[in-house]
Amino acid sequence: MHQALRSLDMEDRHGFQHYLATSFQPDQSALRVAAQQYLADATAETAAALAQAADPPRQELLRRMNMAPGGTGALIAMRSDIAVRLRDEPELKLLDADLRHLFASWFNRGFLELRRIDWQSPAAVLEKLIAYEAVHEIKGWDDLRRRLAPDRRCFAFFHPALPGEPLIFVEVALVEELASSVSPFLMSQDADQDAALARAARADTAIFYSISNCQDGLRGVSFGNFLIKQVVEELQAEFPRLKRFSTLSPVPDFRRWLTQGKDPAVVAPPGIDSDGWWRDPEQSETLRPALMGLCARYLTRSPSSGTRIDPVARFHLGNGARLEQINWLGNTASRAIQESFGIMVNYLYDHDSIEANHEAFVHDGTIVRSPDVDALLET
């Protein structure tokens, strides 16, 4: 089947995917009988029988397709292929949901392997880092070499069914004190290995400044929470001096929230669309108080009221991090200015409070934050 699919053109592959999505439904008679038996006698046995009857044969077909050499990669590519058509072809959502359900089992933490990536890693893996970096573009081999220097670390999850293919990777900078700007991490610095080793030895803080998912077909399958927690353990073992573990994260939806006009109480300050305002110190300082206060307000809205919060904030707060610090012009790259007026955020992972922070966020939408963030809310 895989060999036949590889020989099809795009239109015929789409036809096969549509066939998968609309056929192979559960047997209606068997499902009706199982449902009636469960309603008449709600036991563990009748619930199991109902679940078995409701399992579509399509999932068994996908499981068998996964057994073939290269089958896992082919199914990931299939899900990536149908993603762009879900809006126009809602019937494909059944196939997408089945693939996501199966991937959640096949790619659970027990199957994942954490590896450190350094300059000695295979060239094919290093090339994939350059291709998959989604937060801060890697501008060639010299840039990559700097990101893999002795005062940096890069870790990735791999899966045995996809040898040489990272699923997700994180880039870490070992520094002194909390970092408020990403520029030092992205600028070319001296190539002195001894100097970099000395910086690593002095470091008391690990900054997670880029996390990139590599496989679009695995969207919605969570790896990042496991990755950060295991990397913290690895770094603590290698560098006992490290006391703080923090991100330096973007705020990708801040401008959209500020300018969409859905909240009449939120008013964008004049001048945010003027060309190059961030390069003019006087104009920048004029905008700073209002934008910093508005960003603090944006990031501290509780999701318990049905509010859609920033996706990066949701990820880290859901993992138990604390909203620690909001940084003015932490990234002045064009994309960052367009998304968040250059503002970046530190989410702090404190070992002693991670679980309590996670529980507070998940159960009642409480966003644990520092006094510095509270002070911004009063501006």
Protein backbone atom coordinates (compact mmCIF):
# COMPACT_ATOMS: atom_id res chain seq x y z
CA MET A 1 0.00 0.00 0.00
CA HIS A 2 2.78 2.42 0.88
CA GLN A 3 4.52 1.67 -2.40
CA ALA A 4 1.29 2.34 -4.28
CA LEU A 5 0.70 5.60 -2.40
CA ARG A 6 4.19 6.84 -3.24
CA SER A 7 3.40 6.39 -6.93
CA LEU A 8 0.24 8.55 -6.79
CA ASP A 9 0.13 12.20 -7.74
CA MET A 10 -1.16 14.76 -5.25
CA GLU A 11 -4.77 14.66 -6.46
CA ASP A 12 -4.98 10.88 -6.19
CA ARG A 13 -3.35 10.92 -2.72
CA HIS A 14 -6.01 13.39 -1.63
CA GLY A 15 -8.64 11.03 -3.01
CA PHE A 16 -7.26 8.17 -0.95
CA GLN A 17 -7.16 10.34 2.19
CA HIS A 18 -10.79 11.35 1.61
CA TYR A 19 -11.68 7.67 1.20
CA LEU A 20 -9.96 6.85 4.48
CA ALA A 21 -11.84 9.62 6.26
CA THR A 22 -15.32 8.78 4.96
CA SER A 23 -15.12 4.98 4.90
CA PHE A 24 -14.13 2.41 7.54
CA GLN A 25 -16.79 3.62 10.00
CA PRO A 26 -17.85 1.51 13.01
CA ASP A 27 -20.51 -1.13 12.33
CA GLN A 28 -23.76 0.69 13.13
CA SER A 29 -25.67 -2.42 14.19
CA ALA A 30 -22.94 -3.63 16.54
CA LEU A 31 -22.51 -0.12 17.95
CA ARG A 32 -26.27 0.23 18.57
CA VAL A 33 -26.42 -3.11 20.38
CA ALA A 34 -23.39 -2.24 22.53
CA ALA A 35 -24.86 1.17 23.39
CA GLN A 36 -28.20 -0.35 24.40
CA GLN A 37 -26.44 -2.94 26.56
CA TYR A 38 -24.45 -0.23 28.30
CA LEU A 39 -27.54 1.92 28.91
CA ALA A 40 -29.34 -1.09 30.34
CA ASP A 41 -26.43 -2.20 32.54
CA ALA A 42 -23.61 0.32 32.97
CA THR A 43 -20.76 -1.95 34.03
CA ALA A 44 -17.07 -1.94 33.23
CA GLU A 45 -17.64 -4.88 30.87
CA THR A 46 -20.41 -3.19 28.86
CA ALA A 47 -18.38 0.04 28.75
CA ALA A 48 -15.41 -1.88 27.32
CA ALA A 49 -17.65 -3.57 24.77
CA LEU A 50 -19.08 -0.18 23.75
CA ALA A 51 -15.58 1.29 23.36
CA GLN A 52 -14.55 -1.68 21.20
CA ALA A 53 -17.64 -1.35 19.00
CA ALA A 54 -17.04 2.39 18.60
CA ASP A 55 -13.42 1.94 17.51
CA PRO A 56 -13.45 2.61 13.74
CA PRO A 57 -11.81 -0.01 11.48
CA ARG A 58 -9.87 2.95 10.03
CA GLN A 59 -7.70 2.99 13.16
CA GLU A 60 -6.81 -0.67 12.69
CA LEU A 61 -5.87 0.04 9.08
CA LEU A 62 -3.64 2.91 10.23
CA ARG A 63 -2.02 0.64 12.83
CA ARG A 64 -1.20 -1.89 10.13
CA MET A 65 0.15 0.83 7.85
CA ASN A 66 2.40 1.87 10.74
CA MET A 67 3.96 -1.61 10.88
CA ALA A 68 5.54 -1.33 7.43
CA PRO A 69 9.11 -0.02 7.11
CA GLY A 70 8.87 3.74 6.99
CA GLY A 71 5.17 3.57 7.88
CA THR A 72 5.38 5.96 10.83
CA GLY A 73 7.01 8.68 8.76
CA ALA A 74 4.48 8.17 5.97
CA LEU A 75 1.55 8.62 8.37
CA ILE A 76 3.11 11.76 9.85
CA ALA A 77 3.49 13.12 6.32
CA MET A 78 -0.15 12.23 5.62
CA ARG A 79 -1.36 14.21 8.62
CA SER A 80 0.79 17.16 7.62
CA ASP A 81 -0.65 16.94 4.11
CA ILE A 82 -4.29 17.05 5.23
CA ALA A 83 -3.76 19.90 7.71
CA VAL A 84 -4.05 22.59 5.04
CA ARG A 85 -7.36 21.14 3.81
CA LEU A 86 -9.23 20.67 7.09
CA ARG A 87 -11.08 23.97 6.88
CA ASP A 88 -12.40 23.35 3.36
CA GLU A 89 -12.93 19.60 3.83
CA PRO A 90 -14.24 19.09 7.38
CA GLU A 91 -14.84 15.39 6.70
CA LEU A 92 -11.03 14.98 6.94
CA LYS A 93 -11.23 15.86 10.64
CA LEU A 94 -12.13 12.24 11.42
CA LEU A 95 -8.91 11.01 9.83
CA ASP A 96 -6.93 13.80 11.49
CA ALA A 97 -8.40 12.92 14.91
CA ASP A 98 -7.61 9.21 14.47
CA LEU A 99 -4.01 9.97 13.51
CA ARG A 100 -3.58 12.31 16.46
CA HIS A 101 -5.07 9.71 18.81
CA LEU A 102 -2.67 7.03 17.58
CA PHE A 103 0.36 9.34 17.58
CA ALA A 104 -0.33 10.25 21.23
CA SER A 105 0.23 6.57 22.07
CA TRP A 106 3.09 5.88 19.67
CA PHE A 107 4.99 8.99 20.73
CA ASN A 108 4.42 8.91 24.47
CA ARG A 109 7.34 9.74 26.75
CA GLY A 110 8.29 6.10 27.25
CA PHE A 111 9.37 5.80 23.61
CA LEU A 112 11.27 9.09 23.39
CA GLU A 113 15.05 9.39 23.66
CA LEU A 114 16.66 12.62 24.88
CA ARG A 115 19.94 13.43 23.14
CA ARG A 116 22.29 16.35 23.44
CA ILE A 117 23.19 17.83 20.06
CA ASP A 118 26.64 19.36 19.71
CA TRP A 119 29.10 20.15 16.95
CA GLN A 120 30.13 16.47 16.82
CA SER A 121 26.58 15.29 16.05
CA PRO A 122 25.91 13.90 12.55
CA ALA A 123 25.80 16.57 9.84
CA ALA A 124 22.32 15.41 8.78
CA VAL A 125 20.99 16.19 12.27
CA LEU A 126 22.74 19.58 12.33
CA GLU A 127 21.20 20.45 8.98
CA LYS A 128 17.78 19.66 10.41
CA LEU A 129 18.35 22.11 13.28
CA ILE A 130 18.93 24.86 10.73
CA ALA A 131 15.83 23.83 8.76
CA TYR A 132 13.47 23.37 11.71
CA GLU A 133 14.42 26.35 13.91
CA ALA A 134 11.10 28.17 14.28
CA VAL A 135 11.82 30.97 16.77
CA HIS A 136 15.19 32.53 15.90
CA GLU A 137 16.45 31.74 12.41
CA ILE A 138 19.83 30.00 12.26
CA LYS A 139 21.79 31.87 9.60
CA GLY A 140 24.15 29.20 8.38
CA TRP A 141 26.86 27.00 9.84
CA ASP A 142 28.77 29.72 11.69
CA ASP A 143 25.61 30.76 13.52
CA LEU A 144 24.88 27.12 14.38
CA ARG A 145 28.43 26.62 15.67
CA ARG A 146 27.97 29.54 18.05
CA ARG A 147 24.67 28.09 19.33
CA LEU A 148 26.47 24.83 20.10
CA ALA A 149 29.43 26.45 21.91
CA PRO A 150 30.54 25.26 25.38
CA ASP A 151 28.36 27.85 27.14
CA ARG A 152 25.30 26.64 25.24
CA ARG A 153 23.34 23.43 25.19
CA CYS A 154 20.92 21.94 22.71
CA PHE A 155 18.76 18.92 23.48
CA ALA A 156 16.25 17.08 21.32
CA PHE A 157 13.79 14.22 21.58
CA PHE A 158 14.11 11.38 19.06
CA HIS A 159 11.90 8.35 18.38
CA PRO A 160 13.18 4.91 17.30
CA ALA A 161 10.81 4.83 14.31
CA LEU A 162 12.34 8.07 12.95
CA PRO A 163 16.12 7.66 13.24
CA GLY A 164 17.95 10.93 12.73
CA GLU A 165 14.75 13.00 12.82
CA PRO A 166 14.40 15.30 15.84
CA LEU A 167 10.82 15.71 17.06
CA ILE A 168 11.44 18.84 19.14
CA PHE A 169 14.57 20.62 20.33
CA VAL A 170 15.42 23.31 22.84
CA GLU A 171 18.34 25.74 22.82
CA VAL A 172 19.80 26.85 26.15
CA ALA A 173 22.24 29.63 27.09
CA LEU A 174 24.24 29.38 30.31
CA VAL A 175 24.53 32.89 31.75
CA GLU A 176 24.87 34.92 34.91
CA GLU A 177 21.59 36.44 36.12
CA LEU A 178 18.26 36.57 34.30
CA ALA A 179 18.52 37.56 30.63
CA SER A 180 16.19 40.30 29.37
CA SER A 181 17.26 40.42 25.72
CA VAL A 182 17.82 37.72 23.13
CA SER A 183 20.35 39.76 21.12
CA PRO A 184 23.45 38.51 23.00
CA PHE A 185 22.42 34.93 22.25
CA LEU A 186 22.03 35.55 18.52
CA MET A 187 24.98 37.85 17.87
CA SER A 188 28.29 36.46 16.70
CA GLN A 189 30.72 36.32 19.62
CA ASP A 190 34.31 35.30 20.04
CA ALA A 191 35.10 31.76 19.01
CA ASP A 192 37.43 31.24 21.98
CA GLN A 193 36.44 27.85 23.38
CA ASP A 194 38.25 28.48 26.67
CA ALA A 195 36.33 31.73 27.19
CA ALA A 196 33.06 29.94 26.51
CA LEU A 197 33.99 27.19 28.97
CA ALA A 198 34.76 29.83 31.59
CA ARG A 199 31.37 31.48 31.02
CA ALA A 200 29.67 28.13 31.47
CA ALA A 201 31.55 27.50 34.71
CA ARG A 202 30.45 30.89 36.11
CA ALA A 203 26.82 30.53 35.03
CA ASP A 204 24.09 30.49 37.66
CA THR A 205 21.14 30.65 35.25
CA ALA A 206 19.99 28.52 32.32
CA ILE A 207 17.92 30.43 29.74
CA PHE A 208 15.69 28.40 27.41
CA TYR A 209 15.56 30.83 24.50
CA SER A 210 14.17 28.69 21.67
CA ILE A 211 11.91 25.63 21.52
CA SER A 212 11.04 24.31 18.06
CA ASN A 213 8.69 21.51 17.05
CA CYS A 214 10.05 19.75 14.01
CA GLN A 215 7.21 17.58 12.69
CA ASP A 216 4.06 19.40 11.58
CA GLY A 217 2.25 16.07 11.38
CA LEU A 218 2.67 15.68 15.16
CA ARG A 219 1.00 18.99 16.06
CA GLY A 220 -1.09 18.63 19.19
CA VAL A 221 1.09 15.80 20.53
CA SER A 222 2.80 17.30 23.57
CA PHE A 223 6.57 16.93 23.98
CA GLY A 224 7.68 20.29 25.34
CA ASN A 225 6.68 19.80 28.96
CA PHE A 226 8.64 16.55 29.22
CA LEU A 227 11.57 18.05 27.34
CA ILE A 228 12.01 21.06 29.63
CA LYS A 229 11.75 19.02 32.83
CA GLN A 230 14.29 16.43 31.67
CA VAL A 231 16.69 19.07 30.35
CA VAL A 232 16.57 20.81 33.75
CA GLU A 233 17.63 17.53 35.35
CA GLU A 234 20.46 17.08 32.84
CA LEU A 235 21.74 20.62 33.39
CA GLN A 236 21.55 20.38 37.18
CA ALA A 237 23.65 17.22 37.06
CA GLU A 238 26.27 18.81 34.78
CA PHE A 239 26.30 22.29 36.37
CA PRO A 240 25.51 22.16 40.12
CA ARG A 241 25.99 25.96 40.32
CA LEU A 242 22.83 26.60 38.30
CA LYS A 243 20.17 28.13 40.54
CA ARG A 244 17.62 29.49 38.04
CA PHE A 245 15.93 27.92 35.03
CA SER A 246 14.02 30.40 32.94
CA THR A 247 12.79 30.99 29.44
CA LEU A 248 13.18 34.09 27.32
CA SER A 249 9.99 33.80 25.34
CA PRO A 250 8.07 35.71 22.66
CA VAL A 251 4.53 37.04 23.08
CA PRO A 252 3.21 36.15 19.60
CA ASP A 253 -0.40 37.30 19.91
CA PHE A 254 0.04 40.54 21.88
CA ARG A 255 -0.28 42.97 18.97
CA ARG A 256 -3.31 41.11 17.59
CA TRP A 257 -5.06 41.32 20.98
CA LEU A 258 -4.20 44.99 21.39
CA THR A 259 -5.33 46.07 17.95
CA GLN A 260 -8.36 43.85 17.31
CA GLY A 261 -10.63 46.18 19.29
CA LYS A 262 -12.74 43.50 20.98
CA ASP A 263 -12.24 44.94 24.46
CA PRO A 264 -13.43 48.57 24.59
CA ALA A 265 -11.35 49.13 27.72
CA VAL A 266 -8.15 48.32 25.81
CA VAL A 267 -6.81 51.26 23.82
CA ALA A 268 -3.63 51.03 21.78
CA PRO A 269 -1.33 54.02 22.41
CA PRO A 270 -0.74 56.32 19.42
CA GLY A 271 2.51 55.90 17.55
CA ILE A 272 2.82 52.12 17.58
CA ASP A 273 2.61 51.95 13.80
CA SER A 274 5.15 54.69 13.11
CA ASP A 275 8.16 53.49 11.17
CA GLY A 276 11.19 52.60 13.27
CA TRP A 277 9.87 53.91 16.59
CA TRP A 278 11.94 51.33 18.46
CA ARG A 279 15.13 52.85 17.05
CA ASP A 280 14.25 56.32 18.40
CA PRO A 281 15.03 56.37 22.16
CA GLU A 282 12.69 59.29 22.85
CA GLN A 283 9.74 57.76 21.02
CA SER A 284 10.48 54.33 22.46
CA GLU A 285 10.49 55.61 26.04
CA THR A 286 7.21 57.41 25.40
CA LEU A 287 5.53 54.16 24.37
CA ARG A 288 7.20 51.98 26.97
CA PRO A 289 4.95 52.51 30.06
CA ALA A 290 1.69 51.97 28.19
CA LEU A 291 2.83 48.92 26.21
CA MET A 292 4.47 47.25 29.20
CA GLY A 293 1.34 47.74 31.32
CA LEU A 294 -0.91 46.46 28.53
CA CYS A 295 1.31 43.42 28.00
CA ALA A 296 1.16 42.62 31.71
CA ARG A 297 -2.62 42.86 31.51
CA TYR A 298 -2.68 40.64 28.42
CA LEU A 299 -0.53 37.94 30.02
CA THR A 300 -2.40 37.84 33.33
CA ARG A 301 -5.91 37.32 31.96
CA SER A 302 -7.33 34.17 33.50
CA PRO A 303 -8.29 31.35 31.12
CA SER A 304 -10.97 30.18 33.58
CA SER A 305 -13.36 32.82 32.19
CA GLY A 306 -13.05 31.37 28.70
CA THR A 307 -10.41 33.90 27.67
CA ARG A 308 -8.00 32.70 25.00
CA ILE A 309 -4.58 33.42 26.44
CA ASP A 310 -1.28 33.70 24.61
CA PRO A 311 -0.19 30.24 23.35
CA VAL A 312 3.37 30.53 24.67
CA ALA A 313 2.08 31.70 28.06
CA ARG A 314 -0.41 28.83 28.16
CA PHE A 315 2.34 26.31 27.48
CA HIS A 316 4.73 27.51 30.19
CA LEU A 317 2.12 28.39 32.81
CA GLY A 318 0.48 25.02 32.23
CA ASN A 319 3.85 23.39 32.87
CA GLY A 320 4.11 25.13 36.25
CA ALA A 321 6.30 28.11 35.41
CA ARG A 322 5.86 31.52 37.03
CA LEU A 323 5.38 34.72 35.03
CA GLU A 324 8.58 36.34 36.28
CA GLN A 325 9.57 39.33 34.17
CA ILE A 326 8.38 41.29 31.14
CA ASN A 327 11.24 42.77 29.11
CA TRP A 328 11.09 45.91 26.98
CA LEU A 329 12.54 45.50 23.48
CA GLY A 330 13.94 42.09 24.29
CA ASN A 331 13.90 41.31 20.57
CA THR A 332 13.94 44.00 17.87
CA ALA A 333 13.83 41.65 14.89
CA SER A 334 11.11 42.51 12.39
CA ARG A 335 8.90 39.55 13.30
CA ALA A 336 9.10 40.33 17.03
CA ILE A 337 8.19 43.97 16.47
CA GLN A 338 5.19 42.93 14.36
CA GLU A 339 3.95 40.37 16.88
CA SER A 340 4.70 41.92 20.26
CA PHE A 341 6.40 45.33 19.82
CA GLY A 342 9.66 43.58 20.67
CA ILE A 343 8.56 42.59 24.19
CA MET A 344 9.83 39.28 25.60
CA VAL A 345 8.98 37.39 28.77
CA ASN A 346 10.83 35.32 31.36
CA TYR A 347 8.90 32.32 32.64
CA LEU A 348 10.70 30.93 35.68
CA TYR A 349 10.77 27.21 36.45
CA ASP A 350 11.28 26.93 40.21
CA HIS A 351 11.57 23.31 41.28
CA ASP A 352 9.86 23.81 44.64
CA SER A 353 6.76 25.50 43.22
CA ILE A 354 6.25 23.94 39.77
CA GLU A 355 3.59 21.47 40.90
CA ALA A 356 1.63 24.04 42.92
CA ASN A 357 1.78 26.57 40.06
CA HIS A 358 0.57 23.94 37.59
CA GLU A 359 -2.35 22.91 39.82
CA ALA A 360 -3.38 26.54 40.38
CA PHE A 361 -3.35 27.29 36.66
CA VAL A 362 -5.16 24.13 35.56
CA HIS A 363 -7.87 24.10 38.23
CA ASP A 364 -8.86 27.74 38.57
CA GLY A 365 -6.87 29.69 36.01
CA THR A 366 -4.57 31.34 38.56
CA ILE A 367 -1.51 32.86 36.91
CA VAL A 368 1.31 32.88 39.44
CA ARG A 369 3.44 35.98 38.88
CA SER A 370 6.19 38.02 40.45
CA PRO A 371 5.83 41.37 42.25
CA ASP A 372 7.50 43.04 39.25
CA VAL A 373 4.62 41.94 37.02
CA ASP A 374 2.10 43.11 39.63
CA ALA A 375 3.79 46.52 39.60
CA LEU A 376 3.30 46.78 35.84
CA LEU A 377 -0.41 46.09 36.27
CA GLU A 378 -0.67 49.23 38.39
CA THR A 379 0.74 51.51 35.69
